Structure formats: structure tokens, C-alpha cells
Amino acid sequence: MTDSDEICSVTPRRIPSGPYVVEVVGELDHHTAHYLSEAVNDAPFGDEGVVLDLSGLTYCDSTGITALITAYQRAQATGSPLGLAGVSADQMRVFQVVGLDQVFTFHPTTEEAIEALRRG
């Protein structure tokens, strides 16, 4: 889901026998956060879980953080595991400042997040 005027892409994909992965690349801000919101709304939150791959994320403002919180709330409401993967050190500092480091489960890579959710 991209728009030629935007500098963000959100790509959902199903992992065989594993969680649903939503890859976010570029800037997640008030112009582009709706891409992530749409992908979260469409994601099949269930027993296998959802991984948000943020390894390609270059910027995230408060609107982007709100979209991530919405994903967390949907996971909680459905009892589905949710993991964030590939969060950069700069972005992790933002998560720490706003207290989200205590809310989300972080994994260094998408592969490690997939394995962790497979193990339960």
C-alpha cells in the first residue's frame, strides 16, 4: 500500500505456519499512518500472532505511535500475540520516553520475532 506522493510503504504477508507480518518502510507520520492502520484492521489477529517489522522505519511521529498503539489494543482485545521487530536505537529511545518500552514486546529481527511467536 503505497502512494507515489508518499515515502512510506506497508506490506503485509502471511508466514507459512507462523504469524502475520506487516513490514513498514519509510516515514510513519500523519500523512502515512493510515497505511499501517489499514493493514492492522485487515490483519488476522489470532493464535499465531502478528509481527510489525519496523526495521525499515526511518521516522515515526505521534500519529505513527498512535497506529502502533491501535495494533497493540487490537492484539489485546483478541488475545493475539504481537511483536515489534527491528526497532532502531533512536526509535527505541522514543518508545522509552513515552513508556511504550513497557507495553510492546521487542525483537531484534523479524526472524527472531517469528520464532518467538511460534514457540508461544
Protein backbone atom coordinates (compact mmCIF):
# COMPACT_ATOMS: atom_id res chain seq x y z
CA MET A 1 0.00 0.00 0.00
CA THR A 2 1.90 2.96 -1.23
CA ASP A 3 1.15 6.22 -2.91
CA SER A 4 3.63 7.77 -5.31
CA ASP A 5 3.46 11.01 -3.31
CA GLU A 6 4.25 9.28 -0.02
CA ILE A 7 7.53 8.00 1.33
CA CYS A 8 6.15 5.02 3.22
CA SER A 9 5.14 1.50 2.33
CA VAL A 10 3.27 -1.03 4.41
CA THR A 11 3.47 -4.61 3.17
CA PRO A 12 1.50 -7.37 4.90
CA ARG A 13 2.45 -11.01 4.36
CA ARG A 14 1.47 -14.37 5.77
CA ILE A 15 4.26 -16.60 7.04
CA PRO A 16 3.51 -20.32 6.50
CA SER A 17 2.79 -21.90 9.89
CA GLY A 18 3.60 -18.62 11.57
CA PRO A 19 2.47 -15.12 12.39
CA TYR A 20 1.17 -12.47 10.05
CA VAL A 21 3.94 -9.94 9.31
CA VAL A 22 3.37 -6.28 8.48
CA GLU A 23 6.52 -4.61 7.16
CA VAL A 24 6.72 -0.82 7.49
CA VAL A 25 9.33 1.03 5.43
CA GLY A 26 9.98 4.76 5.38
CA GLU A 27 8.33 7.54 7.36
CA LEU A 28 5.31 6.80 9.52
CA ASP A 29 3.65 10.14 10.13
CA HIS A 30 0.33 11.95 9.86
CA HIS A 31 0.46 11.59 6.06
CA THR A 32 1.19 7.85 6.02
CA ALA A 33 -0.03 6.31 9.29
CA HIS A 34 -3.33 5.37 7.64
CA TYR A 35 -1.44 2.72 5.64
CA LEU A 36 -0.46 0.98 8.86
CA SER A 37 -3.93 1.48 10.34
CA GLU A 38 -5.49 -0.20 7.30
CA ALA A 39 -3.04 -3.11 7.48
CA VAL A 40 -3.76 -3.54 11.21
CA ASN A 41 -7.50 -3.51 10.54
CA ASP A 42 -7.05 -6.18 7.85
CA ALA A 43 -4.59 -8.32 9.83
CA PRO A 44 -5.92 -11.67 11.05
CA PHE A 45 -5.13 -11.29 14.73
CA GLY A 46 -5.27 -14.83 16.10
CA ASP A 47 -3.32 -17.53 17.87
CA GLU A 48 -0.33 -17.26 15.52
CA GLY A 49 0.09 -13.56 16.24
CA VAL A 50 1.23 -10.51 14.34
CA VAL A 51 4.72 -9.08 13.88
CA LEU A 52 5.25 -5.46 12.95
CA ASP A 53 8.57 -5.32 11.12
CA LEU A 54 9.90 -1.82 11.75
CA SER A 55 13.46 -2.46 10.55
CA GLY A 56 12.87 -0.19 7.53
CA LEU A 57 11.18 2.56 9.52
CA THR A 58 13.13 5.82 9.25
CA TYR A 59 10.80 8.17 11.14
CA CYS A 60 7.77 7.87 13.39
CA ASP A 61 5.74 10.77 14.78
CA SER A 62 2.89 10.74 17.30
CA THR A 63 0.37 9.68 14.64
CA GLY A 64 2.55 6.68 13.82
CA ILE A 65 2.83 5.83 17.51
CA THR A 66 -0.97 6.01 17.75
CA ALA A 67 -1.24 3.48 14.89
CA LEU A 68 1.17 1.18 16.76
CA ILE A 69 -0.88 1.53 19.95
CA THR A 70 -4.01 0.66 17.98
CA ALA A 71 -2.28 -2.56 16.87
CA TYR A 72 -1.45 -3.31 20.50
CA GLN A 73 -5.06 -2.69 21.56
CA ARG A 74 -6.37 -4.97 18.81
CA ALA A 75 -3.93 -7.70 19.86
CA GLN A 76 -5.03 -7.36 23.48
CA ALA A 77 -8.73 -7.44 22.55
CA THR A 78 -8.30 -10.62 20.52
CA GLY A 79 -5.78 -12.34 22.81
CA SER A 80 -3.31 -12.41 19.95
CA PRO A 81 0.43 -12.09 20.48
CA LEU A 82 2.06 -9.01 18.97
CA GLY A 83 5.75 -8.38 18.48
CA LEU A 84 7.70 -5.41 17.16
CA ALA A 85 10.86 -6.25 15.25
CA GLY A 86 13.89 -4.31 14.12
CA VAL A 87 13.30 -1.14 16.11
CA SER A 88 16.31 1.17 15.77
CA ALA A 89 18.11 2.60 18.80
CA ASP A 90 16.76 6.09 18.03
CA GLN A 91 13.20 4.85 17.80
CA MET A 92 13.64 2.77 20.96
CA ARG A 93 14.59 5.94 22.83
CA VAL A 94 11.28 7.50 21.73
CA PHE A 95 9.41 4.38 22.90
CA GLN A 96 11.21 4.62 26.25
CA VAL A 97 10.40 8.33 26.67
CA VAL A 98 6.68 7.70 26.16
CA GLY A 99 6.70 4.48 28.20
CA LEU A 100 5.93 2.11 25.34
CA ASP A 101 9.03 0.05 26.05
CA GLN A 102 6.93 -1.36 28.92
CA VAL A 103 3.97 -2.12 26.62
CA PHE A 104 5.37 -3.76 23.49
CA THR A 105 7.43 -6.91 23.10
CA PHE A 106 10.54 -6.13 21.05
CA HIS A 107 12.69 -8.48 18.97
CA PRO A 108 15.99 -7.65 17.24
CA THR A 109 14.86 -9.13 13.90
CA THR A 110 11.67 -10.27 12.21
CA GLU A 111 13.03 -13.82 12.09
CA GLU A 112 13.52 -13.83 15.87
CA ALA A 113 10.03 -12.41 16.38
CA ILE A 114 8.54 -15.14 14.18
CA GLU A 115 10.39 -17.83 16.11
CA ALA A 116 9.34 -16.36 19.46
CA LEU A 117 5.68 -16.30 18.43
CA ARG A 118 5.90 -19.85 17.07
CA ARG A 119 7.22 -21.01 20.44
CA GLY A 120 4.44 -19.14 22.20
